[in-house]
Amino acid sequence: MPGATLRICVNTGGGPGCQFPEYDGTVRHRELRGLLAKARVRYAAVRPSPEVAAFEARLWITLPDDYRHFLTEIGDGGGPSPDGRLLSLAEAEAASAPAPDLAEDFVPPRSIDDDIGPTPPGLLVITDAGSGYKSGLVLGGDERGQIWTYVEVGPGWIPAGDDLVNEDGTPFRSDDVFAHYRTALAPWNLPRRKTFLSWFKEFLEKSAPP
């Protein structure tokens, strides 16, 4: 579809409602396809838009625009991701909380002692990295649109991404996993949280040969 566009989100850094409100910026369909071609990765056949809409209606959910675009324009999983294999929509449903829990708001951990379990409400598990590790896409609540990663210990789920900073803005550097979890959950790292699009584009850019 020439000229197709994908709306993306930016983080507002807190406050009520979705922290990734849509804005007028766009990412051209051909740009994403260009990154895919350069990285030499492929995915399963796309899902027709009516099938994705039926999936949403059956589960009483609304998928974030960037992820829906991927399903209908790029492919229904079946290939690499930043965190293992990208699941198909059917596999994602099977790996996540059952309906109607999936339609509820995601309630994130507030500290490393607040374990929210492997399949929390409001989060669609979209990858399988093996040995219990996985990533999920938040469907509801203030964190809607964010990618979170399952770590099995501490809070269970933390925001995806390694480009964290300390409270004073200096780069975070530590081999202490619990210090990493605390820093990932810290409010000053809210602007660094990943949408599906930013998470996936960063992976493709790193995967592409020089």
N, C-alpha and C. Protein backbone atom coordinates (compact mmCIF):
# COMPACT_ATOMS: atom_id res chain seq x y z
N MET A 1 0.85 -1.19 0.00
CA MET A 1 0.00 0.00 0.00
C MET A 1 0.89 1.24 0.00
N PRO A 2 1.16 1.83 -1.15
CA PRO A 2 2.06 2.98 -1.22
C PRO A 2 1.58 4.13 -0.36
N GLY A 3 2.52 4.71 0.38
CA GLY A 3 2.19 5.87 1.19
C GLY A 3 1.49 5.56 2.49
N ALA A 4 1.30 4.25 2.80
CA ALA A 4 0.67 3.93 4.07
C ALA A 4 1.51 4.46 5.21
N THR A 5 0.88 4.92 6.25
CA THR A 5 1.62 5.49 7.37
C THR A 5 1.28 4.78 8.65
N LEU A 6 2.14 4.92 9.62
CA LEU A 6 1.98 4.33 10.92
C LEU A 6 2.14 5.41 11.98
N ARG A 7 1.10 5.62 12.76
CA ARG A 7 1.21 6.61 13.83
C ARG A 7 2.06 6.04 14.95
N ILE A 8 2.89 6.89 15.55
CA ILE A 8 3.72 6.45 16.64
C ILE A 8 3.44 7.29 17.87
N CYS A 9 3.99 6.91 19.00
CA CYS A 9 3.67 7.56 20.26
C CYS A 9 4.92 8.14 20.90
N VAL A 10 4.73 9.15 21.71
CA VAL A 10 5.80 9.69 22.53
C VAL A 10 5.34 9.69 23.97
N ASN A 11 6.29 9.63 24.87
CA ASN A 11 5.97 9.57 26.28
C ASN A 11 5.81 10.98 26.85
N THR A 12 4.75 11.19 27.61
CA THR A 12 4.51 12.50 28.21
C THR A 12 5.13 12.62 29.59
N GLY A 13 5.67 11.52 30.10
CA GLY A 13 6.37 11.58 31.38
C GLY A 13 5.47 11.59 32.59
N GLY A 14 4.30 11.00 32.49
CA GLY A 14 3.46 10.86 33.67
C GLY A 14 2.11 11.50 33.49
N GLY A 15 1.31 11.47 34.55
CA GLY A 15 -0.03 12.03 34.48
C GLY A 15 -1.04 10.96 34.14
N PRO A 16 -2.32 11.29 34.27
CA PRO A 16 -3.37 10.32 34.01
C PRO A 16 -3.45 9.97 32.53
N GLY A 17 -4.03 8.80 32.27
CA GLY A 17 -4.23 8.38 30.89
C GLY A 17 -2.99 7.76 30.29
N CYS A 18 -3.10 7.39 29.01
CA CYS A 18 -2.00 6.75 28.31
C CYS A 18 -0.76 7.64 28.30
N GLN A 19 0.37 7.08 28.66
CA GLN A 19 1.60 7.84 28.65
C GLN A 19 2.25 7.89 27.27
N PHE A 20 1.61 7.25 26.29
CA PHE A 20 2.09 7.30 24.92
C PHE A 20 0.98 7.83 24.01
N PRO A 21 0.53 9.08 24.17
CA PRO A 21 -0.52 9.60 23.32
C PRO A 21 -0.06 9.69 21.87
N GLU A 22 -0.98 9.44 20.94
CA GLU A 22 -0.62 9.54 19.54
C GLU A 22 -0.35 10.99 19.18
N TYR A 23 0.56 11.22 18.24
CA TYR A 23 0.80 12.57 17.77
C TYR A 23 0.87 12.53 16.25
N ASP A 24 1.09 13.65 15.63
CA ASP A 24 0.96 13.72 14.18
C ASP A 24 2.16 13.17 13.42
N GLY A 25 3.24 12.78 14.12
CA GLY A 25 4.38 12.20 13.43
C GLY A 25 4.00 10.87 12.79
N THR A 26 4.63 10.52 11.68
CA THR A 26 4.35 9.26 11.00
C THR A 26 5.64 8.57 10.60
N VAL A 27 5.54 7.28 10.46
CA VAL A 27 6.66 6.49 9.95
C VAL A 27 6.14 5.80 8.70
N ARG A 28 6.76 6.07 7.58
CA ARG A 28 6.29 5.50 6.32
C ARG A 28 6.45 3.98 6.30
N HIS A 29 5.44 3.36 5.73
CA HIS A 29 5.43 1.92 5.56
C HIS A 29 6.71 1.47 4.85
N ARG A 30 7.12 2.18 3.82
CA ARG A 30 8.30 1.78 3.07
C ARG A 30 9.58 1.88 3.89
N GLU A 31 9.61 2.78 4.90
CA GLU A 31 10.80 2.87 5.76
C GLU A 31 10.96 1.59 6.58
N LEU A 32 9.85 1.12 7.15
CA LEU A 32 9.91 -0.10 7.94
C LEU A 32 10.28 -1.29 7.06
N ARG A 33 9.72 -1.35 5.87
CA ARG A 33 10.06 -2.44 4.95
C ARG A 33 11.54 -2.36 4.55
N GLY A 34 12.04 -1.14 4.40
CA GLY A 34 13.45 -0.98 4.07
C GLY A 34 14.35 -1.53 5.16
N LEU A 35 13.99 -1.27 6.42
CA LEU A 35 14.77 -1.80 7.54
C LEU A 35 14.71 -3.32 7.59
N LEU A 36 13.52 -3.86 7.32
CA LEU A 36 13.36 -5.31 7.31
C LEU A 36 14.24 -5.94 6.22
N ALA A 37 14.23 -5.33 5.05
CA ALA A 37 15.02 -5.87 3.94
C ALA A 37 16.52 -5.79 4.25
N LYS A 38 16.93 -4.68 4.83
CA LYS A 38 18.35 -4.51 5.14
C LYS A 38 18.81 -5.50 6.20
N ALA A 39 17.94 -5.76 7.18
CA ALA A 39 18.28 -6.70 8.25
C ALA A 39 18.10 -8.16 7.82
N ARG A 40 17.44 -8.35 6.66
CA ARG A 40 17.25 -9.69 6.10
C ARG A 40 16.46 -10.59 7.04
N VAL A 41 15.37 -10.09 7.56
CA VAL A 41 14.49 -10.89 8.40
C VAL A 41 13.12 -10.96 7.76
N ARG A 42 12.44 -12.08 7.99
CA ARG A 42 11.12 -12.29 7.41
C ARG A 42 10.16 -12.80 8.48
N TYR A 43 8.88 -12.62 8.20
CA TYR A 43 7.84 -13.01 9.14
C TYR A 43 6.74 -13.77 8.41
N ALA A 44 5.84 -14.33 9.18
CA ALA A 44 4.73 -15.08 8.61
C ALA A 44 3.82 -14.15 7.80
N ALA A 45 2.89 -14.75 7.08
CA ALA A 45 1.95 -13.97 6.28
C ALA A 45 1.19 -12.98 7.15
N VAL A 46 0.82 -11.87 6.56
CA VAL A 46 0.08 -10.85 7.30
C VAL A 46 -1.30 -11.37 7.69
N ARG A 47 -1.90 -10.72 8.69
CA ARG A 47 -3.28 -11.00 9.08
C ARG A 47 -4.17 -9.94 8.45
N PRO A 48 -5.22 -10.32 7.75
CA PRO A 48 -6.14 -9.33 7.18
C PRO A 48 -6.75 -8.46 8.28
N SER A 49 -6.96 -7.20 7.97
CA SER A 49 -7.51 -6.27 8.96
C SER A 49 -8.81 -6.76 9.59
N PRO A 50 -9.75 -7.35 8.81
CA PRO A 50 -10.98 -7.84 9.44
C PRO A 50 -10.73 -8.93 10.48
N GLU A 51 -9.70 -9.77 10.26
CA GLU A 51 -9.38 -10.80 11.25
C GLU A 51 -8.84 -10.19 12.53
N VAL A 52 -8.00 -9.17 12.39
CA VAL A 52 -7.46 -8.50 13.58
C VAL A 52 -8.59 -7.79 14.33
N ALA A 53 -9.49 -7.15 13.60
CA ALA A 53 -10.63 -6.48 14.22
C ALA A 53 -11.52 -7.48 14.95
N ALA A 54 -11.70 -8.67 14.37
CA ALA A 54 -12.51 -9.70 15.01
C ALA A 54 -11.83 -10.20 16.29
N PHE A 55 -10.51 -10.33 16.24
CA PHE A 55 -9.74 -10.72 17.43
C PHE A 55 -9.95 -9.71 18.55
N GLU A 56 -9.85 -8.43 18.22
CA GLU A 56 -10.03 -7.38 19.21
C GLU A 56 -11.44 -7.40 19.78
N ALA A 57 -12.42 -7.57 18.91
CA ALA A 57 -13.81 -7.56 19.38
C ALA A 57 -14.10 -8.75 20.28
N ARG A 58 -13.57 -9.90 19.93
CA ARG A 58 -13.82 -11.11 20.73
C ARG A 58 -13.24 -10.99 22.13
N LEU A 59 -12.09 -10.33 22.25
CA LEU A 59 -11.43 -10.21 23.55
C LEU A 59 -11.70 -8.87 24.23
N TRP A 60 -12.48 -8.01 23.60
CA TRP A 60 -12.80 -6.69 24.15
C TRP A 60 -11.56 -5.85 24.38
N ILE A 61 -10.64 -5.88 23.40
CA ILE A 61 -9.40 -5.12 23.53
C ILE A 61 -9.21 -4.26 22.29
N THR A 62 -8.29 -3.30 22.37
CA THR A 62 -7.87 -2.51 21.22
C THR A 62 -6.35 -2.55 21.17
N LEU A 63 -5.81 -3.12 20.12
CA LEU A 63 -4.36 -3.20 19.98
C LEU A 63 -3.77 -1.83 19.67
N PRO A 64 -2.61 -1.51 20.19
CA PRO A 64 -1.93 -0.26 19.80
C PRO A 64 -1.71 -0.22 18.29
N ASP A 65 -1.80 0.96 17.72
CA ASP A 65 -1.75 1.12 16.27
C ASP A 65 -0.49 0.54 15.64
N ASP A 66 0.66 0.74 16.29
CA ASP A 66 1.91 0.28 15.66
C ASP A 66 1.97 -1.24 15.57
N TYR A 67 1.47 -1.92 16.60
CA TYR A 67 1.45 -3.38 16.57
C TYR A 67 0.42 -3.89 15.57
N ARG A 68 -0.75 -3.26 15.51
CA ARG A 68 -1.76 -3.66 14.54
C ARG A 68 -1.22 -3.51 13.12
N HIS A 69 -0.51 -2.40 12.88
CA HIS A 69 0.10 -2.18 11.57
C HIS A 69 1.06 -3.31 11.21
N PHE A 70 1.86 -3.72 12.15
CA PHE A 70 2.82 -4.80 11.90
C PHE A 70 2.08 -6.07 11.48
N LEU A 71 1.02 -6.42 12.19
CA LEU A 71 0.27 -7.63 11.89
C LEU A 71 -0.35 -7.60 10.50
N THR A 72 -0.87 -6.44 10.11
CA THR A 72 -1.62 -6.35 8.86
C THR A 72 -0.78 -5.95 7.66
N GLU A 73 0.42 -5.41 7.90
CA GLU A 73 1.24 -4.93 6.79
C GLU A 73 2.61 -5.61 6.69
N ILE A 74 3.09 -6.20 7.80
CA ILE A 74 4.43 -6.81 7.79
C ILE A 74 4.33 -8.32 7.97
N GLY A 75 3.70 -8.80 9.02
CA GLY A 75 3.57 -10.24 9.21
C GLY A 75 3.04 -10.59 10.59
N ASP A 76 2.46 -11.78 10.68
CA ASP A 76 1.86 -12.26 11.93
C ASP A 76 2.88 -13.08 12.70
N GLY A 77 3.93 -12.39 13.20
CA GLY A 77 4.94 -13.06 14.00
C GLY A 77 5.76 -14.06 13.20
N GLY A 78 6.32 -15.05 13.92
CA GLY A 78 7.06 -16.11 13.26
C GLY A 78 8.49 -15.78 12.89
N GLY A 79 9.01 -14.67 13.38
CA GLY A 79 10.39 -14.28 13.08
C GLY A 79 11.08 -13.71 14.30
N PRO A 80 12.29 -13.21 14.14
CA PRO A 80 13.05 -12.70 15.28
C PRO A 80 12.50 -11.39 15.82
N SER A 81 12.82 -11.12 17.06
CA SER A 81 12.43 -9.88 17.73
C SER A 81 13.56 -9.47 18.67
N PRO A 82 13.45 -8.35 19.35
CA PRO A 82 14.49 -7.99 20.32
C PRO A 82 14.60 -8.96 21.48
N ASP A 83 13.57 -9.81 21.67
CA ASP A 83 13.56 -10.72 22.82
C ASP A 83 13.04 -12.09 22.38
N GLY A 84 13.82 -12.77 21.55
CA GLY A 84 13.43 -14.09 21.09
C GLY A 84 12.50 -14.04 19.88
N ARG A 85 11.66 -15.06 19.76
CA ARG A 85 10.78 -15.17 18.60
C ARG A 85 9.51 -14.35 18.81
N LEU A 86 9.13 -13.62 17.76
CA LEU A 86 7.88 -12.87 17.79
C LEU A 86 6.73 -13.83 17.58
N LEU A 87 5.80 -13.87 18.51
CA LEU A 87 4.67 -14.80 18.46
C LEU A 87 3.63 -14.37 17.45
N SER A 88 2.91 -15.35 16.91
CA SER A 88 1.73 -15.03 16.12
C SER A 88 0.64 -14.51 17.05
N LEU A 89 -0.40 -13.93 16.48
CA LEU A 89 -1.48 -13.40 17.30
C LEU A 89 -2.16 -14.51 18.09
N ALA A 90 -2.33 -15.68 17.48
CA ALA A 90 -2.94 -16.81 18.18
C ALA A 90 -2.05 -17.28 19.33
N GLU A 91 -0.74 -17.34 19.08
CA GLU A 91 0.19 -17.75 20.14
C GLU A 91 0.22 -16.73 21.26
N ALA A 92 0.15 -15.45 20.90
CA ALA A 92 0.15 -14.39 21.91
C ALA A 92 -1.07 -14.52 22.82
N GLU A 93 -2.21 -14.80 22.24
CA GLU A 93 -3.42 -14.97 23.05
C GLU A 93 -3.25 -16.14 24.02
N ALA A 94 -2.72 -17.26 23.52
CA ALA A 94 -2.55 -18.45 24.36
C ALA A 94 -1.55 -18.23 25.48
N ALA A 95 -0.57 -17.34 25.27
CA ALA A 95 0.48 -17.11 26.26
C ALA A 95 0.12 -16.05 27.29
N SER A 96 -1.01 -15.38 27.10
CA SER A 96 -1.38 -14.23 27.93
C SER A 96 -2.50 -14.57 28.90
N ALA A 97 -2.85 -13.60 29.73
CA ALA A 97 -3.98 -13.77 30.64
C ALA A 97 -5.24 -14.02 29.82
N PRO A 98 -6.15 -14.86 30.33
CA PRO A 98 -7.38 -15.14 29.58
C PRO A 98 -8.34 -13.95 29.61
N ALA A 99 -9.25 -13.95 28.64
CA ALA A 99 -10.33 -12.97 28.68
C ALA A 99 -11.21 -13.32 29.90
N PRO A 100 -11.79 -12.35 30.61
CA PRO A 100 -11.74 -10.91 30.33
C PRO A 100 -10.55 -10.16 30.96
N ASP A 101 -9.63 -10.91 31.59
CA ASP A 101 -8.50 -10.24 32.25
C ASP A 101 -7.66 -9.42 31.27
N LEU A 102 -7.57 -9.90 30.03
CA LEU A 102 -6.75 -9.20 29.05
C LEU A 102 -7.28 -7.80 28.75
N ALA A 103 -8.57 -7.61 28.95
CA ALA A 103 -9.19 -6.30 28.68
C ALA A 103 -9.07 -5.33 29.85
N GLU A 104 -8.55 -5.79 30.98
CA GLU A 104 -8.41 -4.91 32.14
C GLU A 104 -7.16 -4.03 31.99
N ASP A 105 -7.06 -3.03 32.83
CA ASP A 105 -5.87 -2.18 32.83
C ASP A 105 -4.68 -2.94 33.42
N PHE A 106 -3.54 -2.71 32.84
CA PHE A 106 -2.29 -3.24 33.38
C PHE A 106 -1.90 -2.44 34.61
N VAL A 107 -1.62 -3.13 35.69
CA VAL A 107 -1.17 -2.47 36.93
C VAL A 107 0.30 -2.83 37.12
N PRO A 108 1.22 -1.91 36.86
CA PRO A 108 2.65 -2.24 36.90
C PRO A 108 3.15 -2.39 38.32
N PRO A 109 4.27 -3.09 38.50
CA PRO A 109 4.90 -3.14 39.82
C PRO A 109 5.42 -1.75 40.20
N ARG A 110 5.30 -1.41 41.45
CA ARG A 110 5.80 -0.11 41.92
C ARG A 110 7.16 -0.21 42.58
N SER A 111 7.59 -1.45 42.86
CA SER A 111 8.91 -1.67 43.44
C SER A 111 9.35 -3.06 43.06
N ILE A 112 10.60 -3.41 43.38
CA ILE A 112 11.11 -4.73 43.03
C ILE A 112 10.49 -5.82 43.91
N ASP A 113 9.77 -5.45 44.95
CA ASP A 113 9.11 -6.43 45.81
C ASP A 113 7.67 -6.68 45.40
N ASP A 114 7.21 -6.00 44.38
CA ASP A 114 5.82 -6.07 43.95
C ASP A 114 5.71 -6.99 42.74
N ASP A 115 5.68 -8.30 42.98
CA ASP A 115 5.65 -9.28 41.90
C ASP A 115 4.24 -9.38 41.33
N ILE A 116 4.07 -9.08 40.04
CA ILE A 116 2.74 -9.08 39.44
C ILE A 116 2.45 -10.36 38.67
N GLY A 117 3.35 -11.35 38.72
CA GLY A 117 3.09 -12.64 38.12
C GLY A 117 3.42 -12.70 36.64
N PRO A 118 3.44 -13.92 36.07
CA PRO A 118 3.89 -14.10 34.69
C PRO A 118 2.88 -13.68 33.62
N THR A 119 1.58 -13.64 33.96
CA THR A 119 0.57 -13.26 32.96
C THR A 119 -0.40 -12.24 33.58
N PRO A 120 0.07 -11.01 33.80
CA PRO A 120 -0.78 -10.01 34.43
C PRO A 120 -1.90 -9.54 33.50
N PRO A 121 -3.00 -9.09 34.06
CA PRO A 121 -4.07 -8.52 33.23
C PRO A 121 -3.58 -7.33 32.43
N GLY A 122 -4.17 -7.15 31.26
CA GLY A 122 -3.87 -5.97 30.45
C GLY A 122 -2.58 -6.00 29.69
N LEU A 123 -1.92 -7.17 29.61
CA LEU A 123 -0.64 -7.27 28.92
C LEU A 123 -0.67 -8.48 27.98
N LEU A 124 -0.41 -8.24 26.69
CA LEU A 124 -0.39 -9.29 25.69
C LEU A 124 1.05 -9.76 25.51
N VAL A 125 1.32 -11.02 25.83
CA VAL A 125 2.67 -11.59 25.67
C VAL A 125 2.92 -11.78 24.17
N ILE A 126 3.97 -11.15 23.63
CA ILE A 126 4.18 -11.18 22.18
C ILE A 126 5.49 -11.84 21.75
N THR A 127 6.35 -12.22 22.71
CA THR A 127 7.59 -12.92 22.32
C THR A 127 7.83 -14.12 23.23
N ASP A 128 8.68 -15.01 22.76
CA ASP A 128 9.14 -16.15 23.54
C ASP A 128 10.65 -16.24 23.37
N ALA A 129 11.37 -15.96 24.45
CA ALA A 129 12.83 -15.99 24.41
C ALA A 129 13.39 -17.28 25.00
N GLY A 130 12.52 -18.20 25.39
CA GLY A 130 12.98 -19.45 25.98
C GLY A 130 13.26 -19.33 27.46
N SER A 131 13.22 -20.46 28.16
CA SER A 131 13.51 -20.53 29.60
C SER A 131 12.61 -19.60 30.42
N GLY A 132 11.41 -19.36 29.94
CA GLY A 132 10.47 -18.53 30.67
C GLY A 132 10.56 -17.05 30.39
N TYR A 133 11.57 -16.62 29.65
CA TYR A 133 11.72 -15.19 29.37
C TYR A 133 10.85 -14.79 28.18
N LYS A 134 10.32 -13.58 28.25
CA LYS A 134 9.38 -13.12 27.23
C LYS A 134 9.17 -11.62 27.36
N SER A 135 8.52 -11.05 26.36
CA SER A 135 8.15 -9.63 26.41
C SER A 135 6.67 -9.50 26.10
N GLY A 136 6.08 -8.42 26.59
CA GLY A 136 4.66 -8.20 26.40
C GLY A 136 4.36 -6.76 26.05
N LEU A 137 3.20 -6.57 25.44
CA LEU A 137 2.71 -5.26 25.02
C LEU A 137 1.53 -4.87 25.90
N VAL A 138 1.63 -3.71 26.53
CA VAL A 138 0.57 -3.27 27.43
C VAL A 138 -0.62 -2.75 26.61
N LEU A 139 -1.81 -3.27 26.93
CA LEU A 139 -3.02 -2.92 26.20
C LEU A 139 -3.89 -1.90 26.90
N GLY A 140 -3.77 -1.79 28.22
CA GLY A 140 -4.65 -0.88 28.94
C GLY A 140 -3.98 -0.27 30.16
N GLY A 141 -4.45 0.91 30.53
CA GLY A 141 -3.88 1.61 31.68
C GLY A 141 -2.91 2.69 31.25
N ASP A 142 -2.28 3.31 32.23
CA ASP A 142 -1.34 4.41 31.96
C ASP A 142 -0.15 3.98 31.10
N GLU A 143 0.20 2.70 31.16
CA GLU A 143 1.35 2.19 30.41
C GLU A 143 0.97 1.66 29.03
N ARG A 144 -0.25 1.90 28.58
CA ARG A 144 -0.69 1.38 27.28
C ARG A 144 0.32 1.73 26.18
N GLY A 145 0.63 0.73 25.35
CA GLY A 145 1.56 0.92 24.24
C GLY A 145 3.00 0.61 24.56
N GLN A 146 3.33 0.43 25.84
CA GLN A 146 4.72 0.14 26.23
C GLN A 146 5.04 -1.35 26.09
N ILE A 147 6.31 -1.63 25.86
CA ILE A 147 6.82 -3.00 25.89
C ILE A 147 7.46 -3.24 27.25
N TRP A 148 7.06 -4.35 27.90
CA TRP A 148 7.65 -4.77 29.17
C TRP A 148 8.25 -6.16 29.01
N THR A 149 9.27 -6.47 29.80
CA THR A 149 10.01 -7.73 29.71
C THR A 149 9.89 -8.50 31.01
N TYR A 150 9.69 -9.81 30.90
CA TYR A 150 9.55 -10.66 32.07
C TYR A 150 10.92 -11.13 32.54
N VAL A 151 11.19 -10.97 33.84
CA VAL A 151 12.51 -11.28 34.37
C VAL A 151 12.50 -12.37 35.45
N GLU A 152 11.32 -12.92 35.76
CA GLU A 152 11.13 -14.07 36.65
C GLU A 152 11.38 -13.78 38.13
N VAL A 153 12.26 -12.86 38.46
CA VAL A 153 12.54 -12.55 39.87
C VAL A 153 12.17 -11.09 40.12
N GLY A 154 12.17 -10.72 41.41
CA GLY A 154 11.83 -9.34 41.75
C GLY A 154 10.41 -9.01 41.32
N PRO A 155 10.23 -7.95 40.53
CA PRO A 155 8.88 -7.52 40.16
C PRO A 155 8.25 -8.39 39.08
N GLY A 156 9.01 -9.31 38.49
CA GLY A 156 8.48 -10.11 37.39
C GLY A 156 8.59 -9.39 36.07
N TRP A 157 7.92 -8.25 35.92
CA TRP A 157 7.95 -7.48 34.68
C TRP A 157 8.59 -6.12 34.90
N ILE A 158 9.45 -5.72 33.95
CA ILE A 158 10.06 -4.39 33.98
C ILE A 158 9.97 -3.78 32.58
N PRO A 159 10.02 -2.47 32.47
CA PRO A 159 10.00 -1.85 31.14
C PRO A 159 11.20 -2.32 30.31
N ALA A 160 10.96 -2.58 29.02
CA ALA A 160 12.03 -3.02 28.13
C ALA A 160 13.03 -1.90 27.88
N GLY A 161 14.26 -2.30 27.59
CA GLY A 161 15.28 -1.31 27.24
C GLY A 161 16.43 -1.29 28.21
N ASP A 162 17.62 -1.02 27.68
CA ASP A 162 18.83 -0.98 28.50
C ASP A 162 19.44 0.42 28.59
N ASP A 163 18.88 1.38 27.87
CA ASP A 163 19.47 2.73 27.86
C ASP A 163 18.92 3.56 29.02
N LEU A 164 19.18 3.09 30.24
CA LEU A 164 18.66 3.73 31.44
C LEU A 164 19.64 4.79 31.95
N VAL A 165 19.11 5.71 32.77
CA VAL A 165 19.94 6.73 33.38
C VAL A 165 19.67 6.77 34.88
N ASN A 166 20.63 7.31 35.61
CA ASN A 166 20.45 7.56 37.03
C ASN A 166 19.60 8.82 37.21
N GLU A 167 19.20 9.10 38.44
CA GLU A 167 18.34 10.25 38.70
C GLU A 167 18.99 11.55 38.26
N ASP A 168 20.33 11.62 38.29
CA ASP A 168 21.02 12.85 37.89
C ASP A 168 21.25 12.93 36.38
N GLY A 169 20.73 11.94 35.63
CA GLY A 169 20.84 11.97 34.18
C GLY A 169 22.06 11.27 33.61
N THR A 170 22.96 10.80 34.47
CA THR A 170 24.13 10.08 33.98
C THR A 170 23.75 8.66 33.59
N PRO A 171 24.46 8.05 32.64
CA PRO A 171 24.12 6.69 32.21
C PRO A 171 24.20 5.71 33.37
N PHE A 172 23.22 4.82 33.45
CA PHE A 172 23.20 3.78 34.48
C PHE A 172 24.15 2.66 34.09
N ARG A 173 25.05 2.30 34.99
CA ARG A 173 26.00 1.22 34.75
C ARG A 173 26.10 0.39 36.03
N SER A 174 25.64 -0.84 35.98
CA SER A 174 25.74 -1.72 37.14
C SER A 174 25.49 -3.16 36.72
N ASP A 175 26.20 -4.10 37.35
CA ASP A 175 25.96 -5.52 37.13
C ASP A 175 24.95 -6.09 38.11
N ASP A 176 24.46 -5.25 39.01
CA ASP A 176 23.48 -5.67 40.01
C ASP A 176 22.09 -5.69 39.35
N VAL A 177 21.52 -6.89 39.18
CA VAL A 177 20.24 -6.99 38.47
C VAL A 177 19.13 -6.26 39.21
N PHE A 178 19.16 -6.27 40.53
CA PHE A 178 18.09 -5.61 41.28
C PHE A 178 18.22 -4.09 41.18
N ALA A 179 19.46 -3.59 41.10
CA ALA A 179 19.65 -2.17 40.85
C ALA A 179 19.10 -1.81 39.48
N HIS A 180 19.30 -2.71 38.50
CA HIS A 180 18.74 -2.50 37.16
C HIS A 180 17.23 -2.44 37.21
N TYR A 181 16.60 -3.36 37.94
CA TYR A 181 15.14 -3.38 38.03
C TYR A 181 14.62 -2.10 38.67
N ARG A 182 15.27 -1.68 39.77
CA ARG A 182 14.83 -0.45 40.45
C ARG A 182 14.95 0.76 39.52
N THR A 183 16.05 0.83 38.77
CA THR A 183 16.26 1.96 37.88
C THR A 183 15.27 1.93 36.72
N ALA A 184 14.98 0.75 36.21
CA ALA A 184 14.02 0.63 35.11
C ALA A 184 12.63 1.11 35.52
N LEU A 185 12.27 0.88 36.78
CA LEU A 185 10.95 1.28 37.27
C LEU A 185 10.90 2.73 37.75
N ALA A 186 12.06 3.37 37.85
CA ALA A 186 12.12 4.72 38.40
C ALA A 186 11.41 5.73 37.50
N PRO A 187 10.74 6.72 38.09
CA PRO A 187 9.97 7.68 37.28
C PRO A 187 10.81 8.49 36.32
N TRP A 188 12.08 8.74 36.63
CA TRP A 188 12.89 9.56 35.72
C TRP A 188 13.25 8.81 34.43
N ASN A 189 12.98 7.50 34.38
CA ASN A 189 13.22 6.76 33.15
C ASN A 189 11.94 6.56 32.32
N LEU A 190 10.85 7.19 32.74
CA LEU A 190 9.61 7.10 31.95
C LEU A 190 9.81 7.51 30.49
N PRO A 191 10.52 8.60 30.19
CA PRO A 191 10.67 8.99 28.78
C PRO A 191 11.46 8.00 27.95
N ARG A 192 12.14 7.05 28.59
CA ARG A 192 12.97 6.09 27.85
C ARG A 192 12.23 4.78 27.58
N ARG A 193 11.00 4.68 27.99
CA ARG A 193 10.26 3.45 27.76
C ARG A 193 9.93 3.28 26.29
N LYS A 194 9.81 2.02 25.87
CA LYS A 194 9.69 1.69 24.45
C LYS A 194 8.24 1.40 24.06
N THR A 195 7.85 1.93 22.89
CA THR A 195 6.65 1.45 22.23
C THR A 195 7.05 0.24 21.39
N PHE A 196 6.06 -0.47 20.86
CA PHE A 196 6.38 -1.58 19.96
C PHE A 196 7.23 -1.08 18.81
N LEU A 197 6.85 0.06 18.24
CA LEU A 197 7.58 0.58 17.08
C LEU A 197 9.02 0.95 17.42
N SER A 198 9.24 1.71 18.49
CA SER A 198 10.60 2.13 18.82
C SER A 198 11.46 0.93 19.20
N TRP A 199 10.87 -0.02 19.91
CA TRP A 199 11.57 -1.24 20.32
C TRP A 199 11.98 -2.06 19.10
N PHE A 200 11.05 -2.19 18.15
CA PHE A 200 11.31 -3.03 16.99
C PHE A 200 12.25 -2.35 16.01
N LYS A 201 12.09 -1.05 15.81
CA LYS A 201 12.98 -0.34 14.90
C LYS A 201 14.42 -0.38 15.40
N GLU A 202 14.59 -0.21 16.69
CA GLU A 202 15.96 -0.25 17.25
C GLU A 202 16.59 -1.62 17.01
N PHE A 203 15.80 -2.68 17.14
CA PHE A 203 16.29 -4.02 16.88
C PHE A 203 16.70 -4.19 15.42
N LEU A 204 15.87 -3.71 14.50
CA LEU A 204 16.19 -3.85 13.08
C LEU A 204 17.44 -3.07 12.71
N GLU A 205 17.57 -1.87 13.27
CA GLU A 205 18.74 -1.06 12.96
C GLU A 205 20.02 -1.71 13.45
N LYS A 206 19.96 -2.37 14.62
CA LYS A 206 21.13 -3.06 15.15
C LYS A 206 21.42 -4.36 14.41
N SER A 207 20.36 -4.97 13.83
CA SER A 207 20.51 -6.26 13.16
C SER A 207 21.05 -6.13 11.74
N ALA A 208 20.87 -4.95 11.15
CA ALA A 208 21.27 -4.75 9.77
C ALA A 208 22.79 -4.80 9.64
N PRO A 209 23.31 -5.42 8.59
CA PRO A 209 24.76 -5.44 8.39
C PRO A 209 25.27 -4.05 8.07
N PRO A 210 26.53 -3.74 8.39
CA PRO A 210 27.08 -2.40 8.12
C PRO A 210 27.15 -2.11 6.63
